[in-house]
Amino acid sequence: MKIRNLILITGFILIVIGCATNPFTGKRTLALVSNAELFPMSFQYYNQFLSENKVVNNTAKSKEVKEVGRKIANAAEKYLRANGYEGYLKDYKWEFNLVEDSQINAWCMPGGKIVVYTGILPIAKSEAGLAAIMGHEVAHALANHGQQRMSADQIQQLGAVVGNLALADNPENQELFNLAYGVGSNVGVMLPFSRSHETEADQIGLLLMAIAGYEPMEAAHLWERMQAAQTSSPPEFLSTHPNSNTRIKNIKDLVPSVKEEARKFGTTSFKK
């Protein structure tokens, strides 16, 4: 019992002190793993991935990926400076690479390491469509979603340890707990957590692409094309991502306010 209480107290302390404020959303977010620990691991993994995959260099599309990524990152710096977070990106090392792969995908690693697969370019269709993709991925890095996911994983594991210790004298109930906890914590906590990250990345990315001079409505058109390219998708409550119809509607609803915000940064026209 003493061990279980100690774990519970330790977990509570970690949750209370292990938080950071997101400059884009104003929310207090989990940060049990520091960027000082996370970024070097991220950079190492990214370099390893690039060495093991076919990176596309010196083509019009690879240059476009780098250029659009740079514009989005500059928009982020502009936003952060204007809101009193000038040093927020000091440990980020932006890198944008196009990789030969048929997957319709793009992803980011903590600290600003981003990959775009060639398979997503037909869905992007235009420079503005690519900006929507890059804005979304840059937003994941800015919001420290990788850090939050690792922190949430640690709390989930802590909960499993506490439950198993409490039921150590009852193996049958312990087995039932593990089954219920695994499904319940995943469907009820981790998947909604992941979907909230995707929604945040959509919102932040939309603002960044608008500040960078791209038409934010193109993000909605991007997701319409993405939806048309999908053969099937799980129910939203079993998915890491919001339903396409949900995110398209959310994006369309945000476009007017995002364009108005972008104008405060001197953006007067938006490239389609």
C-alpha atoms as a PDB file:
ATOM      1  CA  MET A   1       0.000   0.000   0.000  1.00  0.00           C
ATOM      2  CA  LYS A   2       2.832   2.377   0.854  1.00  0.00           C
ATOM      3  CA  ILE A   3       4.457   1.768  -2.541  1.00  0.00           C
ATOM      4  CA  ARG A   4       1.175   2.397  -4.342  1.00  0.00           C
ATOM      5  CA  ASN A   5       0.623   5.648  -2.430  1.00  0.00           C
ATOM      6  CA  LEU A   6       4.159   6.761  -3.183  1.00  0.00           C
ATOM      7  CA  ILE A   7       3.602   6.136  -6.900  1.00  0.00           C
ATOM      8  CA  LEU A   8       0.306   8.025  -6.832  1.00  0.00           C
ATOM      9  CA  ILE A   9       1.886  10.985  -5.041  1.00  0.00           C
ATOM     10  CA  THR A  10       4.858  10.954  -7.393  1.00  0.00           C
ATOM     11  CA  GLY A  11       2.553  10.857 -10.409  1.00  0.00           C
ATOM     12  CA  PHE A  12       0.489  13.763  -9.086  1.00  0.00           C
ATOM     13  CA  ILE A  13       3.609  15.856  -8.477  1.00  0.00           C
ATOM     14  CA  LEU A  14       4.882  15.084 -11.988  1.00  0.00           C
ATOM     15  CA  ILE A  15       1.593  16.178 -13.539  1.00  0.00           C
ATOM     16  CA  VAL A  16       1.483  19.400 -11.496  1.00  0.00           C
ATOM     17  CA  ILE A  17       5.071  20.521 -12.098  1.00  0.00           C
ATOM     18  CA  GLY A  18       5.511  18.943 -15.530  1.00  0.00           C
ATOM     19  CA  CYS A  19       3.486  21.499 -17.464  1.00  0.00           C
ATOM     20  CA  ALA A  20       4.326  24.238 -19.927  1.00  0.00           C
ATOM     21  CA  THR A  21       2.250  26.986 -21.531  1.00  0.00           C
ATOM     22  CA  ASN A  22       1.747  26.772 -25.285  1.00  0.00           C
ATOM     23  CA  PRO A  23       2.255  30.244 -26.830  1.00  0.00           C
ATOM     24  CA  PHE A  24      -0.189  29.505 -29.659  1.00  0.00           C
ATOM     25  CA  THR A  25      -3.094  28.145 -27.625  1.00  0.00           C
ATOM     26  CA  GLY A  26      -2.399  29.561 -24.143  1.00  0.00           C
ATOM     27  CA  LYS A  27      -3.057  26.096 -22.701  1.00  0.00           C
ATOM     28  CA  ARG A  28      -1.044  24.386 -19.976  1.00  0.00           C
ATOM     29  CA  THR A  29       0.318  21.213 -21.540  1.00  0.00           C
ATOM     30  CA  LEU A  30       2.139  18.101 -20.334  1.00  0.00           C
ATOM     31  CA  ALA A  31       5.921  18.364 -20.431  1.00  0.00           C
ATOM     32  CA  LEU A  32       7.372  15.562 -18.315  1.00  0.00           C
ATOM     33  CA  VAL A  33      10.165  15.117 -20.871  1.00  0.00           C
ATOM     34  CA  SER A  34      12.305  18.207 -21.445  1.00  0.00           C
ATOM     35  CA  ASN A  35      13.213  19.451 -24.904  1.00  0.00           C
ATOM     36  CA  ALA A  36      16.839  19.261 -23.810  1.00  0.00           C
ATOM     37  CA  GLU A  37      16.392  15.480 -23.615  1.00  0.00           C
ATOM     38  CA  LEU A  38      13.972  15.091 -26.512  1.00  0.00           C
ATOM     39  CA  PHE A  39      15.513  17.198 -29.273  1.00  0.00           C
ATOM     40  CA  PRO A  40      18.908  15.424 -29.489  1.00  0.00           C
ATOM     41  CA  MET A  41      17.115  12.059 -29.758  1.00  0.00           C
ATOM     42  CA  SER A  42      14.815  13.500 -32.408  1.00  0.00           C
ATOM     43  CA  PHE A  43      17.671  14.917 -34.463  1.00  0.00           C
ATOM     44  CA  GLN A  44      19.564  11.637 -34.294  1.00  0.00           C
ATOM     45  CA  TYR A  45      16.544   9.613 -35.423  1.00  0.00           C
ATOM     46  CA  TYR A  46      15.819  12.069 -38.232  1.00  0.00           C
ATOM     47  CA  ASN A  47      19.367  11.843 -39.578  1.00  0.00           C
ATOM     48  CA  GLN A  48      19.198   8.059 -39.391  1.00  0.00           C
ATOM     49  CA  PHE A  49      15.897   8.060 -41.301  1.00  0.00           C
ATOM     50  CA  LEU A  50      17.345  10.284 -44.038  1.00  0.00           C
ATOM     51  CA  SER A  51      20.381   8.011 -44.380  1.00  0.00           C
ATOM     52  CA  GLU A  52      18.135   4.963 -44.843  1.00  0.00           C
ATOM     53  CA  ASN A  53      15.667   6.493 -47.310  1.00  0.00           C
ATOM     54  CA  LYS A  54      15.817   8.187 -50.708  1.00  0.00           C
ATOM     55  CA  VAL A  55      15.938  11.929 -50.143  1.00  0.00           C
ATOM     56  CA  VAL A  56      15.000  13.954 -53.222  1.00  0.00           C
ATOM     57  CA  ASN A  57      17.444  16.810 -53.840  1.00  0.00           C
ATOM     58  CA  ASN A  58      17.867  19.577 -56.391  1.00  0.00           C
ATOM     59  CA  THR A  59      14.501  19.202 -58.081  1.00  0.00           C
ATOM     60  CA  ALA A  60      11.793  21.831 -58.435  1.00  0.00           C
ATOM     61  CA  LYS A  61       9.580  20.024 -55.914  1.00  0.00           C
ATOM     62  CA  SER A  62      12.300  19.429 -53.326  1.00  0.00           C
ATOM     63  CA  LYS A  63      13.249  23.114 -53.531  1.00  0.00           C
ATOM     64  CA  GLU A  64       9.593  24.056 -53.171  1.00  0.00           C
ATOM     65  CA  VAL A  65       9.296  21.929 -50.020  1.00  0.00           C
ATOM     66  CA  LYS A  66      12.283  23.716 -48.480  1.00  0.00           C
ATOM     67  CA  GLU A  67      11.111  27.170 -49.573  1.00  0.00           C
ATOM     68  CA  VAL A  68       7.535  26.741 -48.347  1.00  0.00           C
ATOM     69  CA  GLY A  69       8.806  25.247 -45.095  1.00  0.00           C
ATOM     70  CA  ARG A  70      11.106  28.249 -44.609  1.00  0.00           C
ATOM     71  CA  LYS A  71       8.213  30.674 -45.191  1.00  0.00           C
ATOM     72  CA  ILE A  72       6.036  28.853 -42.659  1.00  0.00           C
ATOM     73  CA  ALA A  73       8.866  28.784 -40.081  1.00  0.00           C
ATOM     74  CA  ASN A  74       9.455  32.524 -40.650  1.00  0.00           C
ATOM     75  CA  ALA A  75       5.750  33.147 -40.086  1.00  0.00           C
ATOM     76  CA  ALA A  76       6.022  31.275 -36.780  1.00  0.00           C
ATOM     77  CA  GLU A  77       8.990  33.406 -35.719  1.00  0.00           C
ATOM     78  CA  LYS A  78       7.073  36.556 -36.644  1.00  0.00           C
ATOM     79  CA  TYR A  79       4.065  35.449 -34.584  1.00  0.00           C
ATOM     80  CA  LEU A  80       6.184  34.482 -31.572  1.00  0.00           C
ATOM     81  CA  ARG A  81       8.147  37.748 -31.581  1.00  0.00           C
ATOM     82  CA  ALA A  82       4.924  39.761 -31.726  1.00  0.00           C
ATOM     83  CA  ASN A  83       3.547  37.866 -28.728  1.00  0.00           C
ATOM     84  CA  GLY A  84       6.586  38.088 -26.474  1.00  0.00           C
ATOM     85  CA  TYR A  85       8.091  34.637 -27.131  1.00  0.00           C
ATOM     86  CA  GLU A  86      11.215  35.689 -29.017  1.00  0.00           C
ATOM     87  CA  GLY A  87      13.439  32.949 -27.552  1.00  0.00           C
ATOM     88  CA  TYR A  88      10.921  30.131 -27.976  1.00  0.00           C
ATOM     89  CA  LEU A  89      12.628  28.657 -31.057  1.00  0.00           C
ATOM     90  CA  LYS A  90      16.245  28.922 -29.901  1.00  0.00           C
ATOM     91  CA  ASP A  91      16.737  25.135 -29.721  1.00  0.00           C
ATOM     92  CA  TYR A  92      14.781  24.348 -32.908  1.00  0.00           C
ATOM     93  CA  LYS A  93      16.727  23.326 -35.988  1.00  0.00           C
ATOM     94  CA  TRP A  94      14.356  23.511 -38.921  1.00  0.00           C
ATOM     95  CA  GLU A  95      14.878  21.044 -41.726  1.00  0.00           C
ATOM     96  CA  PHE A  96      12.482  20.198 -44.549  1.00  0.00           C
ATOM     97  CA  ASN A  97      13.106  17.226 -46.819  1.00  0.00           C
ATOM     98  CA  LEU A  98      11.221  15.560 -49.643  1.00  0.00           C
ATOM     99  CA  VAL A  99      11.529  11.760 -49.539  1.00  0.00           C
ATOM    100  CA  GLU A 100      10.681   9.337 -52.341  1.00  0.00           C
ATOM    101  CA  ASP A 101       7.782   7.265 -51.024  1.00  0.00           C
ATOM    102  CA  SER A 102       4.313   6.489 -52.390  1.00  0.00           C
ATOM    103  CA  GLN A 103       2.628   7.006 -49.004  1.00  0.00           C
ATOM    104  CA  ILE A 104       0.210   9.929 -48.831  1.00  0.00           C
ATOM    105  CA  ASN A 105       1.883  11.348 -45.762  1.00  0.00           C
ATOM    106  CA  ALA A 106       4.108  13.954 -44.137  1.00  0.00           C
ATOM    107  CA  TRP A 107       5.397  14.082 -40.577  1.00  0.00           C
ATOM    108  CA  CYS A 108       7.502  16.052 -38.142  1.00  0.00           C
ATOM    109  CA  MET A 109       9.905  15.252 -35.363  1.00  0.00           C
ATOM    110  CA  PRO A 110      10.287  17.390 -32.224  1.00  0.00           C
ATOM    111  CA  GLY A 111      12.570  20.374 -32.754  1.00  0.00           C
ATOM    112  CA  GLY A 112      11.523  21.115 -36.339  1.00  0.00           C
ATOM    113  CA  LYS A 113      12.556  18.088 -38.402  1.00  0.00           C
ATOM    114  CA  ILE A 114      10.010  17.524 -41.176  1.00  0.00           C
ATOM    115  CA  VAL A 115       9.597  15.002 -43.986  1.00  0.00           C
ATOM    116  CA  VAL A 116       7.192  15.235 -46.918  1.00  0.00           C
ATOM    117  CA  TYR A 117       6.623  12.080 -48.973  1.00  0.00           C
ATOM    118  CA  THR A 118       6.369  12.381 -52.752  1.00  0.00           C
ATOM    119  CA  GLY A 119       3.093  10.429 -52.548  1.00  0.00           C
ATOM    120  CA  ILE A 120       1.314  13.410 -50.988  1.00  0.00           C
ATOM    121  CA  LEU A 121       2.323  15.920 -53.687  1.00  0.00           C
ATOM    122  CA  PRO A 122      -0.588  15.101 -56.051  1.00  0.00           C
ATOM    123  CA  ILE A 123      -2.941  15.728 -53.112  1.00  0.00           C
ATOM    124  CA  ALA A 124      -1.181  19.014 -52.292  1.00  0.00           C
ATOM    125  CA  LYS A 125      -1.710  19.983 -55.958  1.00  0.00           C
ATOM    126  CA  SER A 126      -0.374  23.534 -55.561  1.00  0.00           C
ATOM    127  CA  GLU A 127       2.112  25.559 -53.545  1.00  0.00           C
ATOM    128  CA  ALA A 128      -0.730  26.704 -51.281  1.00  0.00           C
ATOM    129  CA  GLY A 129      -1.806  23.088 -50.748  1.00  0.00           C
ATOM    130  CA  LEU A 130       1.764  22.234 -49.816  1.00  0.00           C
ATOM    131  CA  ALA A 131       1.765  25.218 -47.430  1.00  0.00           C
ATOM    132  CA  ALA A 132      -1.286  23.734 -45.698  1.00  0.00           C
ATOM    133  CA  ILE A 133       0.615  20.464 -45.206  1.00  0.00           C
ATOM    134  CA  MET A 134       3.790  22.207 -44.052  1.00  0.00           C
ATOM    135  CA  GLY A 135       1.849  24.531 -41.752  1.00  0.00           C
ATOM    136  CA  HIS A 136       0.191  21.549 -40.105  1.00  0.00           C
ATOM    137  CA  GLU A 137       3.513  19.762 -39.580  1.00  0.00           C
ATOM    138  CA  VAL A 138       5.351  22.849 -38.356  1.00  0.00           C
ATOM    139  CA  ALA A 139       2.476  23.390 -35.929  1.00  0.00           C
ATOM    140  CA  HIS A 140       3.022  19.926 -34.429  1.00  0.00           C
ATOM    141  CA  ALA A 141       6.637  20.901 -33.742  1.00  0.00           C
ATOM    142  CA  LEU A 142       5.731  24.329 -32.337  1.00  0.00           C
ATOM    143  CA  ALA A 143       3.085  22.921 -30.018  1.00  0.00           C
ATOM    144  CA  ASN A 144       5.515  20.274 -28.732  1.00  0.00           C
ATOM    145  CA  HIS A 145       3.033  17.515 -29.493  1.00  0.00           C
ATOM    146  CA  GLY A 146       5.784  14.887 -29.500  1.00  0.00           C
ATOM    147  CA  GLN A 147       6.786  15.956 -26.017  1.00  0.00           C
ATOM    148  CA  GLN A 148       3.171  15.822 -24.844  1.00  0.00           C
ATOM    149  CA  ARG A 149       2.659  12.366 -26.341  1.00  0.00           C
ATOM    150  CA  MET A 150       5.718  10.970 -24.550  1.00  0.00           C
ATOM    151  CA  SER A 151       4.538  12.584 -21.297  1.00  0.00           C
ATOM    152  CA  ALA A 152       1.068  11.072 -21.710  1.00  0.00           C
ATOM    153  CA  ASP A 153       2.614   7.658 -22.390  1.00  0.00           C
ATOM    154  CA  GLN A 154       4.519   7.905 -19.104  1.00  0.00           C
ATOM    155  CA  ILE A 155       1.343   8.739 -17.179  1.00  0.00           C
ATOM    156  CA  GLN A 156      -0.505   5.885 -18.885  1.00  0.00           C
ATOM    157  CA  GLN A 157       2.271   3.490 -17.857  1.00  0.00           C
ATOM    158  CA  LEU A 158       2.191   4.853 -14.305  1.00  0.00           C
ATOM    159  CA  GLY A 159      -1.542   4.141 -14.116  1.00  0.00           C
ATOM    160  CA  ALA A 160      -0.946   0.556 -15.218  1.00  0.00           C
ATOM    161  CA  VAL A 161       1.736   0.092 -12.534  1.00  0.00           C
ATOM    162  CA  VAL A 162      -0.550   1.484  -9.810  1.00  0.00           C
ATOM    163  CA  GLY A 163      -3.435  -0.766 -10.855  1.00  0.00           C
ATOM    164  CA  ASN A 164      -1.292  -3.880 -10.941  1.00  0.00           C
ATOM    165  CA  LEU A 165       0.220  -3.137  -7.532  1.00  0.00           C
ATOM    166  CA  ALA A 166      -3.233  -2.609  -6.039  1.00  0.00           C
ATOM    167  CA  LEU A 167      -4.399  -5.970  -7.411  1.00  0.00           C
ATOM    168  CA  ALA A 168      -1.183  -7.888  -6.809  1.00  0.00           C
ATOM    169  CA  ASP A 169      -2.972 -10.366  -4.507  1.00  0.00           C
ATOM    170  CA  ASN A 170      -5.744 -11.089  -6.999  1.00  0.00           C
ATOM    171  CA  PRO A 171      -4.307 -12.310 -10.337  1.00  0.00           C
ATOM    172  CA  GLU A 172      -7.754 -12.804 -11.900  1.00  0.00           C
ATOM    173  CA  ASN A 173      -8.837  -9.217 -11.218  1.00  0.00           C
ATOM    174  CA  GLN A 174      -5.394  -8.026 -12.233  1.00  0.00           C
ATOM    175  CA  GLU A 175      -5.833  -9.633 -15.657  1.00  0.00           C
ATOM    176  CA  LEU A 176      -9.279  -8.062 -16.064  1.00  0.00           C
ATOM    177  CA  PHE A 177      -7.882  -4.678 -15.022  1.00  0.00           C
ATOM    178  CA  ASN A 178      -5.081  -4.853 -17.591  1.00  0.00           C
ATOM    179  CA  LEU A 179      -7.550  -5.656 -20.362  1.00  0.00           C
ATOM    180  CA  ALA A 180     -10.011  -2.927 -19.354  1.00  0.00           C
ATOM    181  CA  TYR A 181      -7.292  -0.362 -18.642  1.00  0.00           C
ATOM    182  CA  GLY A 182      -5.564  -0.998 -21.957  1.00  0.00           C
ATOM    183  CA  VAL A 183      -8.734  -0.478 -23.993  1.00  0.00           C
ATOM    184  CA  GLY A 184     -10.224   2.230 -21.777  1.00  0.00           C
ATOM    185  CA  SER A 185      -7.134   4.410 -21.504  1.00  0.00           C
ATOM    186  CA  ASN A 186      -6.496   4.103 -25.223  1.00  0.00           C
ATOM    187  CA  VAL A 187     -10.000   4.808 -26.528  1.00  0.00           C
ATOM    188  CA  GLY A 188     -11.027   7.135 -23.716  1.00  0.00           C
ATOM    189  CA  VAL A 189      -7.806   9.116 -23.235  1.00  0.00           C
ATOM    190  CA  MET A 190      -4.942   8.549 -25.692  1.00  0.00           C
ATOM    191  CA  LEU A 191      -6.933   8.631 -28.950  1.00  0.00           C
ATOM    192  CA  PRO A 192      -8.910  11.768 -27.997  1.00  0.00           C
ATOM    193  CA  PHE A 193      -5.572  13.279 -26.897  1.00  0.00           C
ATOM    194  CA  SER A 194      -4.131  12.544 -30.343  1.00  0.00           C
ATOM    195  CA  ARG A 195      -7.203  13.951 -32.111  1.00  0.00           C
ATOM    196  CA  SER A 196      -6.934  17.142 -30.066  1.00  0.00           C
ATOM    197  CA  HIS A 197      -3.332  17.498 -31.265  1.00  0.00           C
ATOM    198  CA  GLU A 198      -4.446  17.180 -34.870  1.00  0.00           C
ATOM    199  CA  THR A 199      -7.117  19.828 -34.345  1.00  0.00           C
ATOM    200  CA  GLU A 200      -4.581  22.158 -32.703  1.00  0.00           C
ATOM    201  CA  ALA A 201      -2.136  21.595 -35.572  1.00  0.00           C
ATOM    202  CA  ASP A 202      -4.889  22.434 -38.072  1.00  0.00           C
ATOM    203  CA  GLN A 203      -5.667  25.693 -36.231  1.00  0.00           C
ATOM    204  CA  ILE A 204      -2.052  26.784 -35.756  1.00  0.00           C
ATOM    205  CA  GLY A 205      -1.044  25.679 -39.248  1.00  0.00           C
ATOM    206  CA  LEU A 206      -3.916  27.633 -40.770  1.00  0.00           C
ATOM    207  CA  LEU A 207      -2.716  30.817 -39.071  1.00  0.00           C
ATOM    208  CA  LEU A 208       0.897  30.242 -40.101  1.00  0.00           C
ATOM    209  CA  MET A 209       0.093  29.651 -43.775  1.00  0.00           C
ATOM    210  CA  ALA A 210      -2.048  32.806 -43.792  1.00  0.00           C
ATOM    211  CA  ILE A 211       0.717  34.914 -42.201  1.00  0.00           C
ATOM    212  CA  ALA A 212       3.099  33.435 -44.795  1.00  0.00           C
ATOM    213  CA  GLY A 213       0.791  34.737 -47.540  1.00  0.00           C
ATOM    214  CA  TYR A 214      -1.119  31.609 -48.553  1.00  0.00           C
ATOM    215  CA  GLU A 215      -4.892  31.352 -48.915  1.00  0.00           C
ATOM    216  CA  PRO A 216      -6.065  29.432 -45.807  1.00  0.00           C
ATOM    217  CA  MET A 217      -9.173  28.099 -47.568  1.00  0.00           C
ATOM    218  CA  GLU A 218      -6.786  25.919 -49.576  1.00  0.00           C
ATOM    219  CA  ALA A 219      -6.332  23.839 -46.399  1.00  0.00           C
ATOM    220  CA  ALA A 220     -10.020  22.870 -46.561  1.00  0.00           C
ATOM    221  CA  HIS A 221      -9.651  21.977 -50.246  1.00  0.00           C
ATOM    222  CA  LEU A 222      -6.579  19.900 -49.369  1.00  0.00           C
ATOM    223  CA  TRP A 223      -8.563  17.842 -46.866  1.00  0.00           C
ATOM    224  CA  GLU A 224     -11.384  17.435 -49.356  1.00  0.00           C
ATOM    225  CA  ARG A 225      -8.883  15.898 -51.787  1.00  0.00           C
ATOM    226  CA  MET A 226      -7.406  13.819 -48.968  1.00  0.00           C
ATOM    227  CA  GLN A 227     -10.865  12.527 -48.098  1.00  0.00           C
ATOM    228  CA  ALA A 228     -11.525  11.602 -51.735  1.00  0.00           C
ATOM    229  CA  ALA A 229      -8.243   9.673 -51.847  1.00  0.00           C
ATOM    230  CA  GLN A 230      -9.095   7.582 -48.761  1.00  0.00           C
ATOM    231  CA  THR A 231     -10.440   4.105 -49.425  1.00  0.00           C
ATOM    232  CA  SER A 232     -11.717   3.659 -45.875  1.00  0.00           C
ATOM    233  CA  SER A 233     -11.326   5.117 -42.409  1.00  0.00           C
ATOM    234  CA  PRO A 234     -12.190   3.918 -38.883  1.00  0.00           C
ATOM    235  CA  PRO A 235     -14.896   5.595 -36.783  1.00  0.00           C
ATOM    236  CA  GLU A 236     -13.629   8.870 -35.326  1.00  0.00           C
ATOM    237  CA  PHE A 237     -13.548   7.547 -31.733  1.00  0.00           C
ATOM    238  CA  LEU A 238     -11.143   4.782 -32.836  1.00  0.00           C
ATOM    239  CA  SER A 239      -8.914   7.071 -34.881  1.00  0.00           C
ATOM    240  CA  THR A 240      -5.876   9.195 -34.082  1.00  0.00           C
ATOM    241  CA  HIS A 241      -7.257  11.877 -36.432  1.00  0.00           C
ATOM    242  CA  PRO A 242     -10.559  13.781 -36.506  1.00  0.00           C
ATOM    243  CA  ASN A 243     -13.144  12.798 -39.088  1.00  0.00           C
ATOM    244  CA  SER A 244     -12.399  14.550 -42.391  1.00  0.00           C
ATOM    245  CA  ASN A 245     -15.814  16.233 -42.500  1.00  0.00           C
ATOM    246  CA  THR A 246     -15.244  17.544 -38.975  1.00  0.00           C
ATOM    247  CA  ARG A 247     -11.848  19.038 -39.734  1.00  0.00           C
ATOM    248  CA  ILE A 248     -12.972  20.515 -43.089  1.00  0.00           C
ATOM    249  CA  LYS A 249     -15.877  22.294 -41.386  1.00  0.00           C
ATOM    250  CA  ASN A 250     -13.626  23.522 -38.564  1.00  0.00           C
ATOM    251  CA  ILE A 251     -11.111  24.900 -41.057  1.00  0.00           C
ATOM    252  CA  LYS A 252     -13.767  26.686 -43.126  1.00  0.00           C
ATOM    253  CA  ASP A 253     -15.209  28.232 -39.966  1.00  0.00           C
ATOM    254  CA  LEU A 254     -11.760  29.536 -38.961  1.00  0.00           C
ATOM    255  CA  VAL A 255     -10.733  31.032 -42.319  1.00  0.00           C
ATOM    256  CA  PRO A 256     -12.260  34.536 -41.864  1.00  0.00           C
ATOM    257  CA  SER A 257     -10.731  35.089 -38.403  1.00  0.00           C
ATOM    258  CA  VAL A 258      -7.381  33.649 -39.501  1.00  0.00           C
ATOM    259  CA  LYS A 259      -7.171  36.025 -42.480  1.00  0.00           C
ATOM    260  CA  GLU A 260      -8.061  38.933 -40.223  1.00  0.00           C
ATOM    261  CA  GLU A 261      -5.300  37.915 -37.794  1.00  0.00           C
ATOM    262  CA  ALA A 262      -2.794  37.545 -40.651  1.00  0.00           C
ATOM    263  CA  ARG A 263      -3.516  41.111 -41.790  1.00  0.00           C
ATOM    264  CA  LYS A 264      -2.213  42.332 -38.420  1.00  0.00           C
ATOM    265  CA  PHE A 265       1.173  40.975 -39.518  1.00  0.00           C
ATOM    266  CA  GLY A 266       1.113  42.890 -42.788  1.00  0.00           C
ATOM    267  CA  THR A 267      -0.236  40.112 -45.013  1.00  0.00           C
ATOM    268  CA  THR A 268      -2.614  41.761 -47.478  1.00  0.00           C
ATOM    269  CA  SER A 269      -2.901  39.111 -50.204  1.00  0.00           C
ATOM    270  CA  PHE A 270      -3.176  35.349 -50.092  1.00  0.00           C
ATOM    271  CA  LYS A 271      -1.746  33.055 -52.753  1.00  0.00           C
ATOM    272  CA  LYS A 272      -3.958  30.202 -53.975  1.00  0.00           C
END
